[in-house]
Amino acid sequence: MAGLAGGAALVNPLAGKVALVAGATRGAGRGIAVELGALGATVLCTGRSSRAGLSDLKRPETIEQTAALVTEAGGQGVAIRCDHSDAAQVQRLMERVRADHGGLDVLVNDIWGGESLSQWGKKFWEQDLELGRQMLDRAVWTHILTAHAGLPLLRAGGLIAEITDGDGWYYRGNFFYDLAKTAVMRLAQNWASELAGDGRGLTSVSLTPGFLRSEEMLAHFGVSEERWQDAVLQDANFAESETPHLIGRALAHLAADPHRQRFNGCALASWTLMEEYGLSDIDGRRPHWGRWYAAMVKEGAGAPQAES
């Protein structure tokens, strides 16, 4: 099956490539995994929610479902249960990657799990420090553990992508949330510096979606994907929302771009790569959260964070 991921007619340009999407259970991670598969990649889908048992988030999505969607899209999906906050589990995961595949071509860090830990509407000194530490452990330390074990496995010309919220250094309205999301941006810059001159020609970026129509966000508004526009009555910003497939297509095209190293160290967005590669979302729309958010700021109105 030829993968056409919503842009130029690329016919399986990632065939023979191996990608690991850490945090592929739902949201942006699932969209990225599926769209990498649509371009022919073998995608290792990791996370805590599995048929063998769900995570403490108690969401119904599983890594096995994501792997099946990858295969259906034209790639090869492989589900591997892994708690990325456990260094021993991450090390075993990478040993399996080395044994089964010999290395990686794409490493995506999309581990989050901070929804229930966010304390919106409170100043830093009013917040529960333990919840804040848990967020940093889940959303930053997991990325560090995964990169520490995974970066040595990246083959020449490989790509590491840190998935975050936002492509700038503005304040995101909550101390720990902002710290987690900007720290992930900084990780991508750090990887670019650390990898410079090692001879492999690797590319490191951070990548953000816009207002994401994830499974959890749809549930929050009480709508389905088919009726997502009904939620615009609850939040006008949802009119510019995007499915997880747009960031997936953005990352998949970046991975297939032979000149992607021009972005090394950059903070990218789904909408900037949408324009770079001529992409569209699965519904044919081309939502540009960057312009929308800028208009909200100019008008003095608030705009929501773009959960991954």
C-alpha atoms as a PDB file:
ATOM      1  CA  MET A   1       0.000   0.000   0.000  1.00  0.00           C
ATOM      2  CA  ALA A   2       1.390   3.382  -0.971  1.00  0.00           C
ATOM      3  CA  GLY A   3       1.393   6.028   1.750  1.00  0.00           C
ATOM      4  CA  LEU A   4       0.337   9.458   0.582  1.00  0.00           C
ATOM      5  CA  ALA A   5       0.238  11.279   3.966  1.00  0.00           C
ATOM      6  CA  GLY A   6      -1.743  14.314   2.785  1.00  0.00           C
ATOM      7  CA  GLY A   7       0.979  16.129   0.831  1.00  0.00           C
ATOM      8  CA  ALA A   8       3.209  15.398  -2.126  1.00  0.00           C
ATOM      9  CA  ALA A   9       2.906  11.906  -3.603  1.00  0.00           C
ATOM     10  CA  LEU A  10       5.584  10.148  -1.611  1.00  0.00           C
ATOM     11  CA  VAL A  11       5.394   6.404  -2.231  1.00  0.00           C
ATOM     12  CA  ASN A  12       6.674   4.571   0.840  1.00  0.00           C
ATOM     13  CA  PRO A  13       9.794   6.737   1.304  1.00  0.00           C
ATOM     14  CA  LEU A  14      10.213   5.293   4.807  1.00  0.00           C
ATOM     15  CA  ALA A  15      10.115   1.659   3.730  1.00  0.00           C
ATOM     16  CA  GLY A  16      12.870  -0.205   5.563  1.00  0.00           C
ATOM     17  CA  LYS A  17      13.112   2.500   8.221  1.00  0.00           C
ATOM     18  CA  VAL A  18      12.495   1.799  11.905  1.00  0.00           C
ATOM     19  CA  ALA A  19      10.823   4.369  14.148  1.00  0.00           C
ATOM     20  CA  LEU A  20      10.163   4.253  17.865  1.00  0.00           C
ATOM     21  CA  VAL A  21       7.301   6.434  19.123  1.00  0.00           C
ATOM     22  CA  ALA A  22       7.471   6.665  22.904  1.00  0.00           C
ATOM     23  CA  GLY A  23       3.995   7.572  24.081  1.00  0.00           C
ATOM     24  CA  ALA A  24       2.149   6.222  21.042  1.00  0.00           C
ATOM     25  CA  THR A  25      -0.999   5.200  22.893  1.00  0.00           C
ATOM     26  CA  ARG A  26      -3.157   8.177  21.957  1.00  0.00           C
ATOM     27  CA  GLY A  27      -3.168  11.811  20.846  1.00  0.00           C
ATOM     28  CA  ALA A  28      -0.196  13.171  18.922  1.00  0.00           C
ATOM     29  CA  GLY A  29       1.808  10.001  19.539  1.00  0.00           C
ATOM     30  CA  ARG A  30      -0.817   7.837  17.855  1.00  0.00           C
ATOM     31  CA  GLY A  31      -1.163  10.261  14.935  1.00  0.00           C
ATOM     32  CA  ILE A  32       2.603  10.305  14.450  1.00  0.00           C
ATOM     33  CA  ALA A  33       2.885   6.522  14.602  1.00  0.00           C
ATOM     34  CA  VAL A  34       0.106   6.019  12.050  1.00  0.00           C
ATOM     35  CA  GLU A  35       1.472   8.577   9.591  1.00  0.00           C
ATOM     36  CA  LEU A  36       4.998   7.157   9.826  1.00  0.00           C
ATOM     37  CA  GLY A  37       3.392   3.828   8.967  1.00  0.00           C
ATOM     38  CA  ALA A  38       1.532   5.430   6.047  1.00  0.00           C
ATOM     39  CA  LEU A  39       4.937   6.222   4.535  1.00  0.00           C
ATOM     40  CA  GLY A  40       6.085   2.636   4.959  1.00  0.00           C
ATOM     41  CA  ALA A  41       7.965   2.638   8.266  1.00  0.00           C
ATOM     42  CA  THR A  42       8.124  -0.088  10.856  1.00  0.00           C
ATOM     43  CA  VAL A  43       6.862   1.678  13.978  1.00  0.00           C
ATOM     44  CA  LEU A  44       7.524   0.487  17.511  1.00  0.00           C
ATOM     45  CA  CYS A  45       4.616   1.816  19.562  1.00  0.00           C
ATOM     46  CA  THR A  46       5.400   2.104  23.266  1.00  0.00           C
ATOM     47  CA  GLY A  47       3.454   3.238  26.293  1.00  0.00           C
ATOM     48  CA  ARG A  48       1.903   2.043  29.530  1.00  0.00           C
ATOM     49  CA  SER A  49      -1.672   1.340  28.368  1.00  0.00           C
ATOM     50  CA  SER A  50      -1.929  -2.151  26.931  1.00  0.00           C
ATOM     51  CA  ARG A  51      -4.331  -5.038  26.605  1.00  0.00           C
ATOM     52  CA  ALA A  52      -2.398  -6.428  29.572  1.00  0.00           C
ATOM     53  CA  GLY A  53      -3.486  -3.464  31.689  1.00  0.00           C
ATOM     54  CA  LEU A  54      -4.207   0.249  31.521  1.00  0.00           C
ATOM     55  CA  SER A  55      -2.154   3.031  33.062  1.00  0.00           C
ATOM     56  CA  ASP A  56      -3.309   5.141  35.989  1.00  0.00           C
ATOM     57  CA  LEU A  57      -4.871   7.544  33.465  1.00  0.00           C
ATOM     58  CA  LYS A  58      -7.600   4.941  32.902  1.00  0.00           C
ATOM     59  CA  ARG A  59      -8.059   5.899  29.265  1.00  0.00           C
ATOM     60  CA  PRO A  60      -9.326   3.089  26.977  1.00  0.00           C
ATOM     61  CA  GLU A  61      -6.742   3.503  24.193  1.00  0.00           C
ATOM     62  CA  THR A  62      -3.934   0.926  24.008  1.00  0.00           C
ATOM     63  CA  ILE A  63      -0.608   0.544  22.227  1.00  0.00           C
ATOM     64  CA  GLU A  64      -1.966  -2.577  20.487  1.00  0.00           C
ATOM     65  CA  GLN A  65      -4.705  -0.477  18.905  1.00  0.00           C
ATOM     66  CA  THR A  66      -2.127   2.020  17.686  1.00  0.00           C
ATOM     67  CA  ALA A  67       0.089  -0.733  16.255  1.00  0.00           C
ATOM     68  CA  ALA A  68      -2.897  -2.156  14.367  1.00  0.00           C
ATOM     69  CA  LEU A  69      -3.646   1.277  12.896  1.00  0.00           C
ATOM     70  CA  VAL A  70      -0.006   1.599  11.783  1.00  0.00           C
ATOM     71  CA  THR A  71      -0.236  -1.706   9.940  1.00  0.00           C
ATOM     72  CA  GLU A  72      -3.596  -0.755   8.432  1.00  0.00           C
ATOM     73  CA  ALA A  73      -2.030   2.488   7.156  1.00  0.00           C
ATOM     74  CA  GLY A  74       0.632   0.539   5.254  1.00  0.00           C
ATOM     75  CA  GLY A  75       3.505   0.172   7.692  1.00  0.00           C
ATOM     76  CA  GLN A  76       4.336  -2.454  10.272  1.00  0.00           C
ATOM     77  CA  GLY A  77       3.143  -1.683  13.777  1.00  0.00           C
ATOM     78  CA  VAL A  78       4.740  -3.341  16.796  1.00  0.00           C
ATOM     79  CA  ALA A  79       3.328  -2.785  20.287  1.00  0.00           C
ATOM     80  CA  ILE A  80       5.811  -2.891  23.181  1.00  0.00           C
ATOM     81  CA  ARG A  81       4.659  -2.079  26.685  1.00  0.00           C
ATOM     82  CA  CYS A  82       7.104   0.212  28.483  1.00  0.00           C
ATOM     83  CA  ASP A  83       6.936   2.623  31.396  1.00  0.00           C
ATOM     84  CA  HIS A  84       9.406   5.277  30.275  1.00  0.00           C
ATOM     85  CA  SER A  85       9.874   6.527  33.837  1.00  0.00           C
ATOM     86  CA  ASP A  86      11.536   3.193  34.694  1.00  0.00           C
ATOM     87  CA  ALA A  87      15.169   3.204  33.531  1.00  0.00           C
ATOM     88  CA  ALA A  88      15.390  -0.589  33.612  1.00  0.00           C
ATOM     89  CA  GLN A  89      12.344  -0.969  31.361  1.00  0.00           C
ATOM     90  CA  VAL A  90      13.697   1.636  28.940  1.00  0.00           C
ATOM     91  CA  GLN A  91      17.045  -0.155  28.813  1.00  0.00           C
ATOM     92  CA  ARG A  92      15.336  -3.496  28.088  1.00  0.00           C
ATOM     93  CA  LEU A  93      13.301  -1.802  25.356  1.00  0.00           C
ATOM     94  CA  MET A  94      16.435  -0.503  23.651  1.00  0.00           C
ATOM     95  CA  GLU A  95      18.163  -3.871  23.965  1.00  0.00           C
ATOM     96  CA  ARG A  96      15.183  -5.398  22.157  1.00  0.00           C
ATOM     97  CA  VAL A  97      15.386  -2.707  19.481  1.00  0.00           C
ATOM     98  CA  ARG A  98      19.065  -3.475  18.941  1.00  0.00           C
ATOM     99  CA  ALA A  99      18.473  -7.231  18.839  1.00  0.00           C
ATOM    100  CA  ASP A 100      15.390  -7.153  16.586  1.00  0.00           C
ATOM    101  CA  HIS A 101      16.144  -4.204  14.301  1.00  0.00           C
ATOM    102  CA  GLY A 102      19.812  -3.332  14.672  1.00  0.00           C
ATOM    103  CA  GLY A 103      19.042   0.312  15.443  1.00  0.00           C
ATOM    104  CA  LEU A 104      16.630   3.178  14.838  1.00  0.00           C
ATOM    105  CA  ASP A 105      16.081   5.750  12.117  1.00  0.00           C
ATOM    106  CA  VAL A 106      13.515   7.852  13.989  1.00  0.00           C
ATOM    107  CA  LEU A 107      13.057   8.378  17.736  1.00  0.00           C
ATOM    108  CA  VAL A 108       9.982  10.300  18.890  1.00  0.00           C
ATOM    109  CA  ASN A 109       9.580  11.386  22.525  1.00  0.00           C
ATOM    110  CA  ASP A 110       5.875  12.052  23.113  1.00  0.00           C
ATOM    111  CA  ILE A 111       5.525  10.930  26.736  1.00  0.00           C
ATOM    112  CA  TRP A 112       3.239  13.243  28.717  1.00  0.00           C
ATOM    113  CA  GLY A 113       0.586  11.977  31.174  1.00  0.00           C
ATOM    114  CA  GLY A 114       0.326  15.325  32.947  1.00  0.00           C
ATOM    115  CA  GLU A 115      -3.332  16.180  32.383  1.00  0.00           C
ATOM    116  CA  SER A 116      -4.460  15.296  35.905  1.00  0.00           C
ATOM    117  CA  LEU A 117      -1.407  17.007  37.432  1.00  0.00           C
ATOM    118  CA  SER A 118      -1.948  20.465  35.908  1.00  0.00           C
ATOM    119  CA  GLN A 119      -3.038  23.072  38.476  1.00  0.00           C
ATOM    120  CA  TRP A 120      -4.503  25.847  36.366  1.00  0.00           C
ATOM    121  CA  GLY A 121      -5.526  29.137  37.945  1.00  0.00           C
ATOM    122  CA  LYS A 122      -2.988  28.951  40.785  1.00  0.00           C
ATOM    123  CA  LYS A 123       0.205  30.913  41.313  1.00  0.00           C
ATOM    124  CA  PHE A 124       3.390  28.902  41.755  1.00  0.00           C
ATOM    125  CA  TRP A 125       3.426  29.355  45.548  1.00  0.00           C
ATOM    126  CA  GLU A 126      -0.164  28.087  45.753  1.00  0.00           C
ATOM    127  CA  GLN A 127       0.520  24.856  43.896  1.00  0.00           C
ATOM    128  CA  ASP A 128       1.075  21.368  45.249  1.00  0.00           C
ATOM    129  CA  LEU A 129       4.805  20.751  44.850  1.00  0.00           C
ATOM    130  CA  GLU A 130       4.414  16.985  44.750  1.00  0.00           C
ATOM    131  CA  LEU A 131       2.042  17.210  41.773  1.00  0.00           C
ATOM    132  CA  GLY A 132       4.518  19.529  40.085  1.00  0.00           C
ATOM    133  CA  ARG A 133       7.388  17.120  40.644  1.00  0.00           C
ATOM    134  CA  GLN A 134       5.296  14.256  39.271  1.00  0.00           C
ATOM    135  CA  MET A 135       4.636  16.280  36.124  1.00  0.00           C
ATOM    136  CA  LEU A 136       8.345  16.930  35.595  1.00  0.00           C
ATOM    137  CA  ASP A 137       9.110  13.257  36.234  1.00  0.00           C
ATOM    138  CA  ARG A 138       6.492  12.146  33.694  1.00  0.00           C
ATOM    139  CA  ALA A 139       6.981  14.793  31.040  1.00  0.00           C
ATOM    140  CA  VAL A 140      10.712  15.587  31.173  1.00  0.00           C
ATOM    141  CA  TRP A 141      12.643  12.876  33.017  1.00  0.00           C
ATOM    142  CA  THR A 142      11.017  10.185  30.833  1.00  0.00           C
ATOM    143  CA  HIS A 143      12.308  11.985  27.728  1.00  0.00           C
ATOM    144  CA  ILE A 144      15.794  12.139  29.208  1.00  0.00           C
ATOM    145  CA  LEU A 145      15.813   8.430  30.084  1.00  0.00           C
ATOM    146  CA  THR A 146      14.532   7.481  26.629  1.00  0.00           C
ATOM    147  CA  ALA A 147      17.021   9.687  24.772  1.00  0.00           C
ATOM    148  CA  HIS A 148      19.923   8.518  26.959  1.00  0.00           C
ATOM    149  CA  ALA A 149      19.267   4.906  25.978  1.00  0.00           C
ATOM    150  CA  GLY A 150      17.978   5.568  22.464  1.00  0.00           C
ATOM    151  CA  LEU A 151      20.310   8.154  20.943  1.00  0.00           C
ATOM    152  CA  PRO A 152      23.217   5.673  20.613  1.00  0.00           C
ATOM    153  CA  LEU A 153      20.908   3.495  18.479  1.00  0.00           C
ATOM    154  CA  LEU A 154      20.147   6.174  15.893  1.00  0.00           C
ATOM    155  CA  ARG A 155      21.648   5.316  12.534  1.00  0.00           C
ATOM    156  CA  ALA A 156      23.379   7.795  10.244  1.00  0.00           C
ATOM    157  CA  GLY A 157      20.965  10.480   9.068  1.00  0.00           C
ATOM    158  CA  GLY A 158      18.513   9.667  11.852  1.00  0.00           C
ATOM    159  CA  LEU A 159      15.961  11.959  13.472  1.00  0.00           C
ATOM    160  CA  ILE A 160      14.976  12.588  17.095  1.00  0.00           C
ATOM    161  CA  ALA A 161      11.825  14.629  17.713  1.00  0.00           C
ATOM    162  CA  GLU A 162      10.687  15.997  21.068  1.00  0.00           C
ATOM    163  CA  ILE A 163       6.927  16.596  21.089  1.00  0.00           C
ATOM    164  CA  THR A 164       5.842  19.593  23.142  1.00  0.00           C
ATOM    165  CA  ASP A 165       3.334  22.449  23.356  1.00  0.00           C
ATOM    166  CA  GLY A 166       4.427  25.622  21.614  1.00  0.00           C
ATOM    167  CA  ASP A 167       7.286  26.708  19.381  1.00  0.00           C
ATOM    168  CA  GLY A 168       8.288  29.811  21.338  1.00  0.00           C
ATOM    169  CA  TRP A 169       9.542  30.828  24.768  1.00  0.00           C
ATOM    170  CA  TYR A 170       6.395  32.660  25.902  1.00  0.00           C
ATOM    171  CA  TYR A 171       4.831  31.767  29.255  1.00  0.00           C
ATOM    172  CA  ARG A 172       2.169  29.077  29.026  1.00  0.00           C
ATOM    173  CA  GLY A 173       0.104  30.256  31.989  1.00  0.00           C
ATOM    174  CA  ASN A 174       1.129  27.727  34.619  1.00  0.00           C
ATOM    175  CA  PHE A 175       4.538  27.313  36.231  1.00  0.00           C
ATOM    176  CA  PHE A 176       5.004  23.537  36.097  1.00  0.00           C
ATOM    177  CA  TYR A 177       3.211  23.102  32.764  1.00  0.00           C
ATOM    178  CA  ASP A 178       5.377  25.808  31.208  1.00  0.00           C
ATOM    179  CA  LEU A 179       8.536  24.361  32.744  1.00  0.00           C
ATOM    180  CA  ALA A 180       7.740  20.899  31.384  1.00  0.00           C
ATOM    181  CA  LYS A 181       6.929  22.051  27.862  1.00  0.00           C
ATOM    182  CA  THR A 182       9.814  24.514  27.469  1.00  0.00           C
ATOM    183  CA  ALA A 183      12.228  22.001  29.003  1.00  0.00           C
ATOM    184  CA  VAL A 184      11.338  19.569  26.221  1.00  0.00           C
ATOM    185  CA  MET A 185      12.076  22.277  23.644  1.00  0.00           C
ATOM    186  CA  ARG A 186      15.421  22.803  25.327  1.00  0.00           C
ATOM    187  CA  LEU A 187      16.153  19.073  25.227  1.00  0.00           C
ATOM    188  CA  ALA A 188      15.892  19.136  21.437  1.00  0.00           C
ATOM    189  CA  GLN A 189      18.364  22.017  21.288  1.00  0.00           C
ATOM    190  CA  ASN A 190      20.686  20.194  23.668  1.00  0.00           C
ATOM    191  CA  TRP A 191      20.571  16.975  21.644  1.00  0.00           C
ATOM    192  CA  ALA A 192      21.511  18.983  18.544  1.00  0.00           C
ATOM    193  CA  SER A 193      24.548  20.403  20.353  1.00  0.00           C
ATOM    194  CA  GLU A 194      25.545  17.064  21.899  1.00  0.00           C
ATOM    195  CA  LEU A 195      25.282  15.239  18.564  1.00  0.00           C
ATOM    196  CA  ALA A 196      27.184  17.833  16.536  1.00  0.00           C
ATOM    197  CA  GLY A 197      30.325  16.437  14.996  1.00  0.00           C
ATOM    198  CA  ASP A 198      29.698  12.785  15.859  1.00  0.00           C
ATOM    199  CA  GLY A 199      29.705  11.880  12.180  1.00  0.00           C
ATOM    200  CA  ARG A 200      26.184  10.501  11.929  1.00  0.00           C
ATOM    201  CA  GLY A 201      24.508  13.617  10.542  1.00  0.00           C
ATOM    202  CA  LEU A 202      21.583  13.378  12.960  1.00  0.00           C
ATOM    203  CA  THR A 203      18.736  15.874  13.226  1.00  0.00           C
ATOM    204  CA  SER A 204      17.117  16.950  16.495  1.00  0.00           C
ATOM    205  CA  VAL A 205      13.955  19.074  16.655  1.00  0.00           C
ATOM    206  CA  SER A 206      11.044  19.868  18.917  1.00  0.00           C
ATOM    207  CA  LEU A 207       7.590  19.791  17.350  1.00  0.00           C
ATOM    208  CA  THR A 208       4.248  21.098  18.572  1.00  0.00           C
ATOM    209  CA  PRO A 209       0.685  20.518  17.410  1.00  0.00           C
ATOM    210  CA  GLY A 210      -1.902  23.263  17.457  1.00  0.00           C
ATOM    211  CA  PHE A 211      -5.181  22.924  19.361  1.00  0.00           C
ATOM    212  CA  LEU A 212      -5.287  19.140  19.195  1.00  0.00           C
ATOM    213  CA  ARG A 213      -8.492  17.167  18.717  1.00  0.00           C
ATOM    214  CA  SER A 214      -7.148  14.286  20.765  1.00  0.00           C
ATOM    215  CA  GLU A 215      -9.350  11.576  22.189  1.00  0.00           C
ATOM    216  CA  GLU A 216      -9.220  13.247  25.586  1.00  0.00           C
ATOM    217  CA  MET A 217     -10.073  16.698  24.227  1.00  0.00           C
ATOM    218  CA  LEU A 218     -13.041  15.347  22.292  1.00  0.00           C
ATOM    219  CA  ALA A 219     -14.234  13.621  25.457  1.00  0.00           C
ATOM    220  CA  HIS A 220     -13.761  16.863  27.399  1.00  0.00           C
ATOM    221  CA  PHE A 221     -16.154  18.639  25.048  1.00  0.00           C
ATOM    222  CA  GLY A 222     -18.498  15.644  24.823  1.00  0.00           C
ATOM    223  CA  VAL A 223     -18.253  15.329  21.049  1.00  0.00           C
ATOM    224  CA  SER A 224     -17.037  12.765  18.535  1.00  0.00           C
ATOM    225  CA  GLU A 225     -14.551  13.425  15.747  1.00  0.00           C
ATOM    226  CA  GLU A 226     -17.458  13.325  13.286  1.00  0.00           C
ATOM    227  CA  ARG A 227     -19.254  16.073  15.229  1.00  0.00           C
ATOM    228  CA  TRP A 228     -16.224  17.998  16.488  1.00  0.00           C
ATOM    229  CA  GLN A 229     -17.540  21.331  15.210  1.00  0.00           C
ATOM    230  CA  ASP A 230     -20.342  21.195  17.779  1.00  0.00           C
ATOM    231  CA  ALA A 231     -17.671  21.984  20.392  1.00  0.00           C
ATOM    232  CA  VAL A 232     -16.979  25.376  18.790  1.00  0.00           C
ATOM    233  CA  LEU A 233     -20.079  26.606  20.639  1.00  0.00           C
ATOM    234  CA  GLN A 234     -18.226  25.827  23.885  1.00  0.00           C
ATOM    235  CA  ASP A 235     -14.852  27.226  22.800  1.00  0.00           C
ATOM    236  CA  ALA A 236     -14.489  29.365  19.675  1.00  0.00           C
ATOM    237  CA  ASN A 237     -10.779  28.440  19.458  1.00  0.00           C
ATOM    238  CA  PHE A 238     -11.776  24.868  18.612  1.00  0.00           C
ATOM    239  CA  ALA A 239     -12.687  26.119  15.137  1.00  0.00           C
ATOM    240  CA  GLU A 240      -8.956  26.096  14.330  1.00  0.00           C
ATOM    241  CA  SER A 241      -8.288  22.697  15.913  1.00  0.00           C
ATOM    242  CA  GLU A 242      -6.476  19.864  14.165  1.00  0.00           C
ATOM    243  CA  THR A 243      -6.496  16.088  14.345  1.00  0.00           C
ATOM    244  CA  PRO A 244      -3.421  14.162  15.546  1.00  0.00           C
ATOM    245  CA  HIS A 245      -2.842  13.209  11.928  1.00  0.00           C
ATOM    246  CA  LEU A 246      -1.606  16.690  10.991  1.00  0.00           C
ATOM    247  CA  ILE A 247       1.362  16.614  13.370  1.00  0.00           C
ATOM    248  CA  GLY A 248       1.817  12.992  12.290  1.00  0.00           C
ATOM    249  CA  ARG A 249       2.014  13.965   8.644  1.00  0.00           C
ATOM    250  CA  ALA A 250       4.335  16.841   9.497  1.00  0.00           C
ATOM    251  CA  LEU A 251       6.761  14.552  11.310  1.00  0.00           C
ATOM    252  CA  ALA A 252       6.537  11.769   8.724  1.00  0.00           C
ATOM    253  CA  HIS A 253       7.376  14.172   5.901  1.00  0.00           C
ATOM    254  CA  LEU A 254      10.227  15.598   7.951  1.00  0.00           C
ATOM    255  CA  ALA A 255      11.561  12.072   8.465  1.00  0.00           C
ATOM    256  CA  ALA A 256      11.343  11.471   4.701  1.00  0.00           C
ATOM    257  CA  ASP A 257      13.033  14.766   3.824  1.00  0.00           C
ATOM    258  CA  PRO A 258      16.650  14.100   2.744  1.00  0.00           C
ATOM    259  CA  HIS A 259      17.499  17.715   3.609  1.00  0.00           C
ATOM    260  CA  ARG A 260      15.897  17.748   7.068  1.00  0.00           C
ATOM    261  CA  GLN A 261      19.147  18.647   8.813  1.00  0.00           C
ATOM    262  CA  ARG A 262      18.483  22.272   7.868  1.00  0.00           C
ATOM    263  CA  PHE A 263      16.011  22.180  10.785  1.00  0.00           C
ATOM    264  CA  ASN A 264      18.522  20.801  13.290  1.00  0.00           C
ATOM    265  CA  GLY A 265      18.000  22.379  16.710  1.00  0.00           C
ATOM    266  CA  CYS A 266      14.793  24.145  15.647  1.00  0.00           C
ATOM    267  CA  ALA A 267      11.454  24.449  17.431  1.00  0.00           C
ATOM    268  CA  LEU A 268       8.932  23.452  14.746  1.00  0.00           C
ATOM    269  CA  ALA A 269       5.137  23.368  14.559  1.00  0.00           C
ATOM    270  CA  SER A 270       2.606  21.270  12.685  1.00  0.00           C
ATOM    271  CA  TRP A 271       1.439  24.355  10.804  1.00  0.00           C
ATOM    272  CA  THR A 272       4.917  25.458   9.697  1.00  0.00           C
ATOM    273  CA  LEU A 273       5.710  21.998   8.325  1.00  0.00           C
ATOM    274  CA  MET A 274       2.199  21.876   6.828  1.00  0.00           C
ATOM    275  CA  GLU A 275       3.157  24.876   4.722  1.00  0.00           C
ATOM    276  CA  GLU A 276       6.709  23.620   4.109  1.00  0.00           C
ATOM    277  CA  TYR A 277       5.518  20.317   2.654  1.00  0.00           C
ATOM    278  CA  GLY A 278       2.091  21.294   1.290  1.00  0.00           C
ATOM    279  CA  LEU A 279       0.159  19.124   3.732  1.00  0.00           C
ATOM    280  CA  SER A 280      -3.452  19.006   4.837  1.00  0.00           C
ATOM    281  CA  ASP A 281      -5.282  17.337   7.704  1.00  0.00           C
ATOM    282  CA  ILE A 282      -7.316  14.180   7.122  1.00  0.00           C
ATOM    283  CA  ASP A 283     -10.462  16.274   6.699  1.00  0.00           C
ATOM    284  CA  GLY A 284      -8.817  18.362   3.976  1.00  0.00           C
ATOM    285  CA  ARG A 285      -8.490  21.429   6.206  1.00  0.00           C
ATOM    286  CA  ARG A 286      -5.244  23.360   6.734  1.00  0.00           C
ATOM    287  CA  PRO A 287      -5.549  24.773  10.274  1.00  0.00           C
ATOM    288  CA  HIS A 288      -2.842  27.275  11.188  1.00  0.00           C
ATOM    289  CA  TRP A 289      -2.783  27.584  14.959  1.00  0.00           C
ATOM    290  CA  GLY A 290       0.161  29.996  14.858  1.00  0.00           C
ATOM    291  CA  ARG A 291      -1.822  32.692  13.051  1.00  0.00           C
ATOM    292  CA  TRP A 292      -4.924  32.000  15.151  1.00  0.00           C
ATOM    293  CA  TYR A 293      -3.003  32.239  18.423  1.00  0.00           C
ATOM    294  CA  ALA A 294      -1.278  35.446  17.313  1.00  0.00           C
ATOM    295  CA  ALA A 295      -4.685  36.977  16.587  1.00  0.00           C
ATOM    296  CA  MET A 296      -5.937  35.933  20.037  1.00  0.00           C
ATOM    297  CA  VAL A 297      -2.936  37.543  21.703  1.00  0.00           C
ATOM    298  CA  LYS A 298      -3.360  40.727  19.645  1.00  0.00           C
ATOM    299  CA  GLU A 299      -7.008  40.951  20.658  1.00  0.00           C
ATOM    300  CA  GLY A 300      -6.104  40.313  24.291  1.00  0.00           C
ATOM    301  CA  ALA A 301      -8.123  37.112  24.456  1.00  0.00           C
ATOM    302  CA  GLY A 302      -6.923  33.916  26.046  1.00  0.00           C
ATOM    303  CA  ALA A 303      -6.071  30.863  23.998  1.00  0.00           C
ATOM    304  CA  PRO A 304      -5.831  27.287  25.258  1.00  0.00           C
ATOM    305  CA  GLN A 305      -2.719  25.158  25.409  1.00  0.00           C
ATOM    306  CA  ALA A 306      -2.170  22.585  22.662  1.00  0.00           C
ATOM    307  CA  GLU A 307      -2.060  19.283  24.515  1.00  0.00           C
ATOM    308  CA  SER A 308       0.027  16.531  22.968  1.00  0.00           C
END
